[in-house]
Amino acid sequence: MVTAGNLQAQARLDPVADAPPKVQREFRAMWIASVANIDWPSQPGLSVWEQQRELLIILDRAVTLKMNAVILQVRPASDALYNSRYEPWSEYLTGEMGRAPEPFYDPLTFAVAEAHKRGLELHAWFNPFRAHHASGGTDFSTNHLKLARPGIVREYGRSLWLDPGEPAVRAHSLRVVLDVVRRYDIDGAHIDDYFYPYRERDSAGVPAEFPDDASYARYRKAQGQLGKNDWRRRNVNLFVRAVHVGIKGVKPWVRFGVSPFGIWRPGNPSQVRGLDAYQEIYADSRKWLREGWLDYFTPQLYWEVGAPQQSYPVLLRWWVGENVKKRHIWPGLFTSRIESEDQVRRWDSGEILEQIRRTRAQPGSDGHVHFSARALLRNLDGISDSLLTGPYAEMALVPASPWLDRVPPSAPTIIVRRDTIAGGVVVTMKPFAKESVWLWVVRARTAGLWSTSVLPGWQRLHTLTRDDSAAVPELVTVSAVDRVGNEGKAARKTFR
């Protein structure tokens, strides 16, 4: 018989029969793009209340879909959607470059706090070398690099770019990333596929050369021996490695992710055709993966499963085969293709569901990222509904990163008791000693059936049943999860 007050254990545990179910391990995230106001904010110059409300709607949608992370673009073009020490406030936020929100708030502080309140990881997304996007205005604040340091900015096509061949550029972009890592409680730092810019063409359709002759000439004058293309790749390699090393020197638990173009080079594997990112944007992304200069790798596999020359599963399998350091492979999915205006190229939601199925079937790949948030907010072709009733029906934990930390949290102290005011049964959780808990995993077995809840680590009380008429759990287990995904030994209470 179960009495009021603390519920007491009545039987000895059977470690086999009483083993709780494991929680699936899968990174489930969405990109939240700020450039050109793609996702957030929906337009420049919204009030602070409107900005915050829109972001909360996105975070709540992520929670509803049982996702566990968001990747928020905080530096779209040498500007900032946070209180930067080095670059101006973004015009995509306030409508005027360099103008802070009024009344003042820091959007990244707000975003991190609200994501963590919901048990979501927040990864800060940086574009490392774009200085100004074509969608932006022509009025620059005095602290923008175009005016403050014009010698490192290049005009190319309709946009402005930083020249990766300038050591000062690499140092500046590294400083920007590490400043955010130091000052904000982010879970990851993320860079996208823009290194050297994608090739522009002049009015006659002739490919235009990126204007870096001056920086290359200085390199050669300093006895540099590399040809220009190899030198460009070296510049990007130096930056990627420096970001990885720099982050680990500041906060080792913050994961570094890179999201390159999905094809390394045509012919890899043999049937693959398409843009040569190695040659066109000087991104030797295979090297970064093979060297382990990152914690997760998110190739943008923006092609259909059945595409003959860019098949999603074929490319995914190839990337997994190159992952000799066993980092995370979390491919990018082109979920927004569901809303393509091109009727021939438009996908239905079933394509995304099949890509998730193929990803799960591929050993060595344990997650994926949707581009972008608005496709899930708009529930295009019922994609959000289909995710929730299909692959996202159950919660998932972000996969652990054992190269960062292998020590799991200790078992917490738990008390399972009657709620003397509202009735029902509640469990309270207390971390061991002064350990920091990122998430709790609470499992309860009632009438032989298990239920599982994943809760944010700040939470200390969880309701198992809400009134006295509900069946009392026979067994409750609570385990702690740390910032890099290690789940510790569970504390247990058994009842008969």
Protein backbone atom coordinates (compact mmCIF):
# COMPACT_ATOMS: atom_id res chain seq x y z
CA MET A 1 0.00 0.00 0.00
CA VAL A 2 1.28 3.50 -0.87
CA THR A 3 0.93 6.04 1.90
CA ALA A 4 0.94 9.86 1.84
CA GLY A 5 4.24 11.67 2.27
CA ASN A 6 7.46 10.24 0.88
CA LEU A 7 6.84 7.05 -1.10
CA GLN A 8 9.04 4.32 0.29
CA ALA A 9 10.78 1.57 -1.63
CA GLN A 10 9.06 -1.75 -1.01
CA ALA A 11 11.08 -4.17 -3.09
CA ARG A 12 14.59 -4.83 -4.20
CA LEU A 13 15.53 -3.72 -7.72
CA ASP A 14 15.85 -6.29 -10.45
CA PRO A 15 18.51 -4.70 -12.74
CA VAL A 16 17.26 -6.60 -15.79
CA ALA A 17 13.50 -6.47 -15.43
CA ASP A 18 13.58 -2.91 -14.14
CA ALA A 19 15.97 -1.51 -16.76
CA PRO A 20 14.43 1.71 -18.12
CA PRO A 21 14.37 2.42 -21.86
CA LYS A 22 17.21 4.37 -23.37
CA VAL A 23 16.54 7.79 -24.85
CA GLN A 24 17.31 8.14 -28.54
CA ARG A 25 20.49 10.04 -29.36
CA GLU A 26 19.98 12.43 -32.27
CA PHE A 27 20.87 16.05 -32.90
CA ARG A 28 17.70 17.79 -34.12
CA ALA A 29 18.15 21.44 -34.98
CA MET A 30 17.03 24.27 -37.20
CA TRP A 31 18.97 27.18 -38.62
CA ILE A 32 17.52 30.59 -37.75
CA ALA A 33 18.82 32.90 -40.49
CA SER A 34 18.96 36.66 -39.93
CA VAL A 35 20.59 37.70 -43.21
CA ALA A 36 18.01 39.40 -45.43
CA ASN A 37 15.53 38.75 -42.58
CA ILE A 38 14.98 35.19 -43.82
CA ASP A 39 13.78 33.83 -40.46
CA TRP A 40 14.34 36.28 -37.63
CA PRO A 41 13.54 39.08 -37.21
CA SER A 42 10.93 38.86 -39.95
CA GLN A 43 11.71 42.44 -40.96
CA PRO A 44 14.09 45.17 -39.83
CA GLY A 45 13.03 47.77 -37.31
CA LEU A 46 10.51 45.76 -35.34
CA SER A 47 9.93 46.85 -31.76
CA VAL A 48 11.85 45.03 -29.05
CA TRP A 49 8.63 43.33 -27.97
CA GLU A 50 7.96 42.12 -31.51
CA GLN A 51 11.53 40.85 -31.93
CA GLN A 52 11.36 38.92 -28.70
CA ARG A 53 7.90 37.56 -29.42
CA GLU A 54 8.98 36.26 -32.83
CA LEU A 55 12.02 34.55 -31.37
CA LEU A 56 9.97 32.94 -28.62
CA ILE A 57 7.55 31.58 -31.22
CA ILE A 58 10.49 29.94 -33.02
CA LEU A 59 11.90 28.46 -29.81
CA ASP A 60 8.49 27.19 -28.77
CA ARG A 61 8.06 25.52 -32.16
CA ALA A 62 11.40 23.78 -31.66
CA VAL A 63 10.21 22.49 -28.28
CA THR A 64 6.85 21.36 -29.71
CA LEU A 65 8.70 19.41 -32.40
CA LYS A 66 10.90 17.74 -29.75
CA MET A 67 14.01 19.32 -31.23
CA ASN A 68 17.01 19.87 -28.98
CA ALA A 69 18.95 22.74 -30.56
CA VAL A 70 18.74 25.92 -32.63
CA ILE A 71 21.51 27.56 -34.65
CA LEU A 72 21.02 31.33 -34.56
CA GLN A 73 22.79 33.61 -37.05
CA VAL A 74 24.36 36.38 -34.98
CA ARG A 75 26.89 37.74 -37.47
CA PRO A 76 25.47 37.75 -41.01
CA ALA A 77 27.85 40.30 -42.58
CA SER A 78 30.50 41.82 -40.30
CA ASP A 79 27.66 43.11 -38.14
CA ALA A 80 26.07 41.85 -34.96
CA LEU A 81 22.72 40.80 -33.57
CA TYR A 82 24.27 41.11 -30.10
CA ASN A 83 26.15 43.77 -28.17
CA SER A 84 29.47 43.44 -30.00
CA ARG A 85 32.72 45.04 -28.95
CA TYR A 86 34.06 44.98 -32.48
CA GLU A 87 31.24 45.37 -35.03
CA PRO A 88 28.09 47.47 -35.47
CA TRP A 89 24.54 46.51 -34.65
CA SER A 90 22.96 44.81 -37.65
CA GLU A 91 20.55 46.69 -39.86
CA TYR A 92 18.54 43.46 -40.10
CA LEU A 93 17.69 43.98 -36.43
CA THR A 94 16.96 47.69 -36.00
CA GLY A 95 16.69 48.91 -39.59
CA GLU A 96 19.80 51.08 -39.25
CA MET A 97 23.34 49.79 -39.07
CA GLY A 98 24.96 50.71 -35.77
CA ARG A 99 21.70 51.54 -33.96
CA ALA A 100 21.06 49.52 -30.81
CA PRO A 101 17.60 48.22 -29.86
CA GLU A 102 15.41 50.68 -27.98
CA PRO A 103 14.71 50.08 -25.17
CA PHE A 104 18.06 48.36 -24.96
CA TYR A 105 18.41 44.63 -24.68
CA ASP A 106 20.97 42.12 -25.94
CA PRO A 107 19.22 39.67 -28.31
CA LEU A 108 21.85 36.96 -27.83
CA THR A 109 21.62 37.13 -24.04
CA PHE A 110 17.85 36.89 -24.40
CA ALA A 111 18.05 34.03 -26.92
CA VAL A 112 20.46 31.97 -24.82
CA ALA A 113 18.41 32.41 -21.65
CA GLU A 114 15.13 31.52 -23.35
CA ALA A 115 16.59 28.53 -25.20
CA HIS A 116 18.16 27.15 -22.03
CA LYS A 117 14.94 27.73 -20.12
CA ARG A 118 13.35 25.32 -22.61
CA GLY A 119 16.18 22.77 -22.53
CA LEU A 120 17.37 23.75 -26.03
CA GLU A 121 21.00 24.17 -27.00
CA LEU A 122 21.82 27.46 -28.71
CA HIS A 123 24.65 27.57 -31.24
CA ALA A 124 25.83 30.99 -32.43
CA TRP A 125 26.22 31.13 -36.23
CA PHE A 126 28.84 33.37 -37.85
CA ASN A 127 29.56 34.23 -41.46
CA PRO A 128 33.34 34.63 -41.20
CA PHE A 129 34.25 36.69 -44.28
CA ARG A 130 31.17 38.47 -45.65
CA ALA A 131 31.38 42.21 -44.99
CA HIS A 132 28.05 43.36 -46.43
CA HIS A 133 25.22 41.49 -48.10
CA ALA A 134 23.56 42.73 -51.29
CA SER A 135 20.22 42.89 -49.46
CA GLY A 136 21.55 45.53 -47.07
CA GLY A 137 21.43 49.29 -47.33
CA THR A 138 24.13 51.70 -48.41
CA ASP A 139 24.49 53.69 -45.18
CA PHE A 140 27.38 52.34 -43.15
CA SER A 141 28.09 53.11 -39.53
CA THR A 142 31.52 54.54 -38.77
CA ASN A 143 32.63 51.38 -36.96
CA HIS A 144 31.83 49.09 -39.90
CA LEU A 145 34.98 47.63 -41.46
CA LYS A 146 34.25 49.30 -44.81
CA LEU A 147 34.94 52.66 -43.15
CA ALA A 148 37.02 51.68 -40.15
CA ARG A 149 39.45 49.33 -41.98
CA PRO A 150 38.91 49.74 -45.74
CA GLY A 151 42.22 48.09 -46.58
CA ILE A 152 40.89 44.61 -45.73
CA VAL A 153 37.50 44.92 -47.46
CA ARG A 154 36.97 43.97 -51.11
CA GLU A 155 34.08 44.76 -53.43
CA TYR A 156 32.99 41.67 -55.33
CA GLY A 157 29.76 41.45 -57.27
CA ARG A 158 27.00 43.24 -55.37
CA SER A 159 28.45 42.48 -51.95
CA LEU A 160 31.48 43.37 -49.85
CA TRP A 161 33.88 40.72 -48.61
CA LEU A 162 36.78 40.45 -46.24
CA ASP A 163 39.95 39.16 -47.89
CA PRO A 164 40.98 35.91 -46.14
CA GLY A 165 44.49 36.44 -47.50
CA GLU A 166 44.96 39.34 -45.09
CA PRO A 167 46.22 38.07 -41.71
CA ALA A 168 44.34 40.98 -40.12
CA VAL A 169 41.05 39.61 -41.51
CA ARG A 170 41.57 36.17 -40.03
CA ALA A 171 42.61 37.72 -36.71
CA HIS A 172 39.56 39.99 -36.66
CA SER A 173 37.03 37.25 -37.45
CA LEU A 174 38.66 34.96 -34.89
CA ARG A 175 38.46 37.73 -32.30
CA VAL A 176 34.76 38.18 -33.05
CA VAL A 177 33.99 34.47 -32.57
CA LEU A 178 36.03 34.11 -29.37
CA ASP A 179 34.48 37.27 -27.92
CA VAL A 180 31.06 35.65 -28.19
CA VAL A 181 32.34 32.36 -26.77
CA ARG A 182 33.79 34.18 -23.76
CA ARG A 183 30.86 36.45 -22.98
CA TYR A 184 27.82 34.31 -23.74
CA ASP A 185 26.75 30.92 -22.42
CA ILE A 186 26.40 29.40 -25.89
CA ASP A 187 26.57 25.68 -26.53
CA GLY A 188 28.23 25.85 -29.93
CA ALA A 189 29.88 28.17 -32.43
CA HIS A 190 28.97 27.55 -36.05
CA ILE A 191 30.28 28.80 -39.40
CA ASP A 192 28.57 28.30 -42.75
CA ASP A 193 29.71 27.68 -46.32
CA TYR A 194 30.89 31.17 -47.29
CA PHE A 195 34.68 31.27 -47.21
CA TYR A 196 35.90 32.87 -50.39
CA PRO A 197 32.69 34.00 -52.12
CA TYR A 198 30.91 31.91 -54.70
CA ARG A 199 31.99 32.97 -58.18
CA GLU A 200 30.40 36.12 -59.59
CA ARG A 201 30.14 36.92 -63.31
CA ASP A 202 30.43 40.22 -65.11
CA SER A 203 27.80 41.70 -67.44
CA ALA A 204 29.08 39.52 -70.29
CA GLY A 205 28.77 36.34 -68.21
CA VAL A 206 32.52 35.96 -67.75
CA PRO A 207 33.61 34.68 -64.30
CA ALA A 208 35.09 37.52 -62.26
CA GLU A 209 38.27 36.99 -60.24
CA PHE A 210 38.20 37.76 -56.54
CA PRO A 211 40.29 40.94 -56.07
CA ASP A 212 43.08 39.67 -53.83
CA ASP A 213 46.12 40.34 -56.02
CA ALA A 214 47.60 42.75 -53.48
CA SER A 215 47.44 40.35 -50.54
CA TYR A 216 48.82 37.52 -52.64
CA ALA A 217 51.67 39.72 -53.84
CA ARG A 218 52.62 40.48 -50.23
CA TYR A 219 52.58 36.76 -49.47
CA ARG A 220 54.92 36.06 -52.38
CA LYS A 221 57.17 38.97 -51.41
CA ALA A 222 57.52 37.37 -47.97
CA GLN A 223 58.93 34.23 -49.68
CA GLY A 224 55.62 32.36 -49.86
CA GLN A 225 55.86 29.46 -52.32
CA LEU A 226 52.26 28.38 -52.87
CA GLY A 227 50.34 28.98 -56.05
CA LYS A 228 47.39 31.33 -55.69
CA ASN A 229 44.67 28.69 -55.35
CA ASP A 230 46.64 26.66 -52.83
CA TRP A 231 47.38 29.86 -50.92
CA ARG A 232 43.68 30.67 -50.78
CA ARG A 233 42.90 27.22 -49.40
CA ARG A 234 45.70 27.65 -46.88
CA ASN A 235 44.16 30.92 -45.69
CA VAL A 236 40.84 29.23 -45.01
CA ASN A 237 42.53 26.24 -43.38
CA LEU A 238 44.44 28.54 -41.04
CA PHE A 239 41.23 30.23 -40.00
CA VAL A 240 39.22 27.04 -39.41
CA ARG A 241 41.98 25.51 -37.31
CA ALA A 242 42.49 28.73 -35.36
CA VAL A 243 38.78 28.91 -34.48
CA HIS A 244 38.79 25.31 -33.27
CA VAL A 245 41.93 25.76 -31.17
CA GLY A 246 40.76 29.14 -29.88
CA ILE A 247 37.38 27.85 -28.70
CA LYS A 248 38.97 24.91 -26.88
CA GLY A 249 41.34 27.32 -25.14
CA VAL A 250 38.43 29.42 -23.85
CA LYS A 251 35.58 26.96 -23.15
CA PRO A 252 36.44 23.38 -24.12
CA TRP A 253 32.81 22.23 -23.84
CA VAL A 254 31.58 24.65 -26.54
CA ARG A 255 31.31 22.63 -29.73
CA PHE A 256 32.60 24.01 -33.01
CA GLY A 257 30.58 23.17 -36.10
CA VAL A 258 31.13 23.82 -39.80
CA SER A 259 28.46 23.62 -42.51
CA PRO A 260 30.22 23.48 -45.88
CA PHE A 261 28.85 22.98 -49.37
CA GLY A 262 27.74 19.35 -49.58
CA ILE A 263 30.18 18.27 -52.33
CA TRP A 264 33.90 18.35 -51.57
CA ARG A 265 34.98 17.77 -55.17
CA PRO A 266 33.09 16.29 -58.15
CA GLY A 267 33.97 12.62 -58.54
CA ASN A 268 33.98 12.00 -54.80
CA PRO A 269 32.32 9.51 -54.88
CA SER A 270 32.65 8.68 -58.55
CA GLN A 271 29.11 9.49 -59.77
CA VAL A 272 28.93 12.89 -58.08
CA ARG A 273 28.82 16.01 -60.26
CA GLY A 274 28.35 19.64 -59.29
CA LEU A 275 30.20 22.69 -58.03
CA ASP A 276 33.81 22.11 -57.01
CA ALA A 277 33.95 23.88 -53.63
CA TYR A 278 37.65 22.99 -53.31
CA GLN A 279 38.41 24.93 -56.48
CA GLU A 280 35.63 27.56 -56.55
CA ILE A 281 35.44 28.80 -52.94
CA TYR A 282 38.76 27.26 -51.78
CA ALA A 283 37.12 25.17 -49.06
CA ASP A 284 39.07 21.98 -48.35
CA SER A 285 36.31 20.75 -46.07
CA ARG A 286 37.44 17.13 -46.21
CA LYS A 287 40.73 18.19 -44.63
CA TRP A 288 38.96 19.92 -41.73
CA LEU A 289 36.96 16.78 -41.06
CA ARG A 290 39.90 14.40 -41.39
CA GLU A 291 42.08 16.58 -39.16
CA GLY A 292 39.37 16.81 -36.50
CA TRP A 293 39.36 20.62 -36.50
CA LEU A 294 35.69 20.63 -35.48
CA ASP A 295 33.25 18.86 -33.21
CA TYR A 296 30.42 18.46 -35.69
CA PHE A 297 30.24 18.56 -39.46
CA THR A 298 27.05 19.63 -41.22
CA PRO A 299 27.50 19.29 -44.99
CA GLN A 300 24.66 20.96 -46.83
CA LEU A 301 23.22 17.93 -48.59
CA TYR A 302 20.57 19.89 -50.45
CA TRP A 303 19.70 17.23 -53.03
CA GLU A 304 17.07 14.52 -53.29
CA VAL A 305 17.57 10.92 -52.29
CA GLY A 306 17.09 9.88 -55.90
CA ALA A 307 19.23 12.58 -57.57
CA PRO A 308 21.52 10.58 -59.91
CA GLN A 309 24.57 12.87 -59.59
CA GLN A 310 24.08 14.28 -56.07
CA SER A 311 22.21 11.54 -54.22
CA TYR A 312 21.66 12.45 -50.57
CA PRO A 313 22.48 9.00 -49.13
CA VAL A 314 25.44 8.52 -51.46
CA LEU A 315 27.02 11.79 -50.40
CA LEU A 316 26.25 11.15 -46.74
CA ARG A 317 27.89 7.73 -46.90
CA TRP A 318 31.00 9.27 -48.49
CA TRP A 319 31.33 11.95 -45.81
CA VAL A 320 30.94 9.38 -43.05
CA GLY A 321 33.75 7.39 -44.66
CA GLU A 322 36.03 10.44 -44.46
CA ASN A 323 35.31 10.95 -40.74
CA VAL A 324 38.48 9.30 -39.45
CA LYS A 325 38.45 11.27 -36.17
CA LYS A 326 34.87 10.15 -35.43
CA ARG A 327 33.35 13.59 -35.03
CA HIS A 328 29.60 14.13 -35.33
CA ILE A 329 28.09 14.09 -38.83
CA TRP A 330 24.85 16.08 -38.76
CA PRO A 331 23.89 16.83 -42.40
CA GLY A 332 21.92 19.90 -43.43
CA LEU A 333 18.48 19.30 -44.97
CA PHE A 334 16.93 21.73 -47.47
CA THR A 335 13.53 21.74 -45.79
CA SER A 336 12.71 25.15 -47.30
CA ARG A 337 12.74 23.55 -50.75
CA ILE A 338 9.19 22.51 -49.92
CA GLU A 339 8.16 26.12 -50.61
CA SER A 340 10.17 26.57 -53.80
CA GLU A 341 8.44 28.72 -56.40
CA ASP A 342 9.81 26.40 -59.07
CA GLN A 343 7.10 23.75 -59.38
CA VAL A 344 9.51 21.32 -61.02
CA ARG A 345 12.11 21.62 -58.25
CA ARG A 346 9.68 21.84 -55.33
CA TRP A 347 9.77 18.95 -52.87
CA ASP A 348 6.97 17.47 -50.85
CA SER A 349 7.44 16.80 -47.16
CA GLY A 350 7.97 13.11 -47.81
CA GLU A 351 11.41 13.86 -49.25
CA ILE A 352 12.59 15.33 -45.95
CA LEU A 353 11.12 12.43 -43.99
CA GLU A 354 12.94 9.98 -46.25
CA GLN A 355 16.22 11.87 -45.81
CA ILE A 356 15.85 11.62 -42.04
CA ARG A 357 15.16 7.90 -42.39
CA ARG A 358 18.25 7.46 -44.56
CA THR A 359 20.34 9.45 -42.10
CA ARG A 360 19.25 7.22 -39.23
CA ALA A 361 20.02 4.14 -41.33
CA GLN A 362 23.57 5.35 -42.01
CA PRO A 363 25.99 4.27 -39.26
CA GLY A 364 28.18 7.19 -38.23
CA SER A 365 25.56 9.91 -38.69
CA ASP A 366 23.48 10.80 -35.66
CA GLY A 367 21.55 13.98 -36.38
CA HIS A 368 20.51 16.61 -38.90
CA VAL A 369 19.74 20.34 -39.24
CA HIS A 370 16.80 21.91 -41.10
CA PHE A 371 17.18 24.95 -43.31
CA SER A 372 15.41 26.88 -42.15
CA ALA A 373 13.06 27.84 -39.30
CA ARG A 374 10.34 29.38 -41.46
CA ALA A 375 9.62 26.10 -43.24
CA LEU A 376 8.81 24.52 -39.88
CA LEU A 377 6.91 27.55 -38.63
CA ARG A 378 4.71 27.57 -41.73
CA ASN A 379 4.26 23.79 -41.59
CA LEU A 380 4.85 23.60 -45.33
CA ASP A 381 3.08 20.60 -46.86
CA GLY A 382 2.40 19.47 -43.28
CA ILE A 383 6.12 18.90 -42.59
CA SER A 384 5.91 19.84 -38.89
CA ASP A 385 2.88 17.61 -38.36
CA SER A 386 4.60 14.74 -40.15
CA LEU A 387 7.77 15.13 -38.10
CA LEU A 388 5.86 15.10 -34.84
CA THR A 389 3.80 12.02 -35.67
CA GLY A 390 6.75 10.29 -37.31
CA PRO A 391 10.50 10.63 -36.63
CA TYR A 392 10.06 13.15 -33.80
CA ALA A 393 7.36 11.30 -31.90
CA GLU A 394 9.80 10.68 -29.03
CA MET A 395 12.32 12.95 -27.33
CA ALA A 396 16.01 12.74 -28.22
CA LEU A 397 19.22 13.73 -26.46
CA VAL A 398 22.08 15.39 -28.31
CA PRO A 399 24.76 12.72 -28.89
CA ALA A 400 27.69 12.83 -26.48
CA SER A 401 31.10 14.17 -27.56
CA PRO A 402 33.57 11.84 -25.80
CA TRP A 403 36.66 13.60 -27.19
CA LEU A 404 35.66 16.63 -25.11
CA ASP A 405 34.76 14.87 -21.86
CA ARG A 406 34.10 11.25 -20.90
CA VAL A 407 33.20 11.77 -17.24
CA PRO A 408 29.44 11.43 -16.65
CA PRO A 409 27.60 13.27 -13.88
CA SER A 410 27.04 11.51 -10.58
CA ALA A 411 23.65 10.14 -9.60
CA PRO A 412 21.45 12.87 -8.11
CA THR A 413 19.46 12.75 -4.92
CA ILE A 414 15.74 12.29 -5.58
CA ILE A 415 12.59 12.27 -3.47
CA VAL A 416 9.29 10.94 -4.78
CA ARG A 417 6.30 12.04 -2.72
CA ARG A 418 2.65 12.92 -2.69
CA ASP A 419 1.81 16.52 -3.49
CA THR A 420 -0.04 17.39 -0.29
CA ILE A 421 -1.77 20.38 -1.89
CA ALA A 422 -2.74 19.33 -5.42
CA GLY A 423 -2.58 15.58 -5.00
CA GLY A 424 -0.73 13.34 -7.39
CA VAL A 425 2.94 12.38 -7.27
CA VAL A 426 5.99 14.61 -7.77
CA VAL A 427 9.71 13.99 -7.92
CA THR A 428 12.34 16.46 -6.74
CA MET A 429 15.90 16.33 -8.07
CA LYS A 430 19.07 17.60 -6.45
CA PRO A 431 22.47 17.43 -8.20
CA PHE A 432 25.32 15.60 -6.54
CA ALA A 433 27.51 18.04 -4.61
CA LYS A 434 27.92 21.18 -6.74
CA GLU A 435 27.76 19.51 -10.13
CA SER A 436 26.16 21.50 -12.91
CA VAL A 437 23.28 19.72 -14.66
CA TRP A 438 22.33 20.58 -18.22
CA LEU A 439 19.34 18.22 -18.50
CA TRP A 440 17.44 15.71 -16.38
CA VAL A 441 16.10 12.46 -17.77
CA VAL A 442 13.11 11.33 -15.72
CA ARG A 443 11.67 7.89 -16.41
CA ALA A 444 8.63 6.42 -14.68
CA ARG A 445 7.11 2.96 -14.97
CA THR A 446 3.42 2.73 -14.30
CA ALA A 447 1.46 -0.50 -14.71
CA GLY A 448 4.43 -1.93 -16.57
CA LEU A 449 4.65 0.93 -19.12
CA TRP A 450 7.48 3.45 -19.20
CA SER A 451 7.22 7.19 -19.81
CA THR A 452 10.22 9.45 -20.28
CA SER A 453 10.65 13.20 -19.84
CA VAL A 454 13.70 15.30 -20.69
CA LEU A 455 13.79 18.44 -18.55
CA PRO A 456 16.07 21.48 -18.35
CA GLY A 457 18.71 21.22 -15.64
CA TRP A 458 17.51 24.28 -13.71
CA GLN A 459 14.27 22.47 -12.93
CA ARG A 460 14.09 20.81 -9.50
CA LEU A 461 10.49 19.56 -9.38
CA HIS A 462 8.58 17.43 -11.85
CA THR A 463 4.97 16.24 -11.64
CA LEU A 464 4.52 12.55 -12.40
CA THR A 465 0.76 12.36 -11.77
CA ARG A 466 -1.59 15.27 -11.20
CA ASP A 467 -4.28 13.83 -8.92
CA ASP A 468 -4.86 10.96 -6.54
CA SER A 469 -7.00 9.04 -9.00
CA ALA A 470 -4.03 8.34 -11.26
CA ALA A 471 -2.02 5.14 -10.93
CA VAL A 472 1.12 5.52 -8.83
CA PRO A 473 4.46 4.88 -10.58
CA GLU A 474 6.07 1.60 -9.60
CA LEU A 475 9.58 2.78 -10.42
CA VAL A 476 11.10 6.22 -10.98
CA THR A 477 14.63 6.89 -12.21
CA VAL A 478 16.36 10.25 -12.64
CA SER A 479 19.71 10.80 -14.30
CA ALA A 480 21.69 13.96 -15.05
CA VAL A 481 23.12 14.95 -18.45
CA ASP A 482 26.09 17.33 -18.76
CA ARG A 483 26.89 20.01 -21.35
CA VAL A 484 28.60 17.61 -23.75
CA GLY A 485 25.89 14.94 -23.60
CA ASN A 486 27.18 12.48 -21.00
CA GLU A 487 24.33 10.84 -19.09
CA GLY A 488 25.20 9.77 -15.58
CA LYS A 489 24.10 6.91 -13.38
CA ALA A 490 20.43 7.09 -12.45
CA ALA A 491 18.99 7.43 -8.99
CA ARG A 492 16.04 5.04 -8.47
CA LYS A 493 12.98 4.67 -6.33
CA THR A 494 10.98 1.45 -6.56
CA PHE A 495 7.42 0.90 -5.28
CA ARG A 496 5.19 -2.13 -5.03
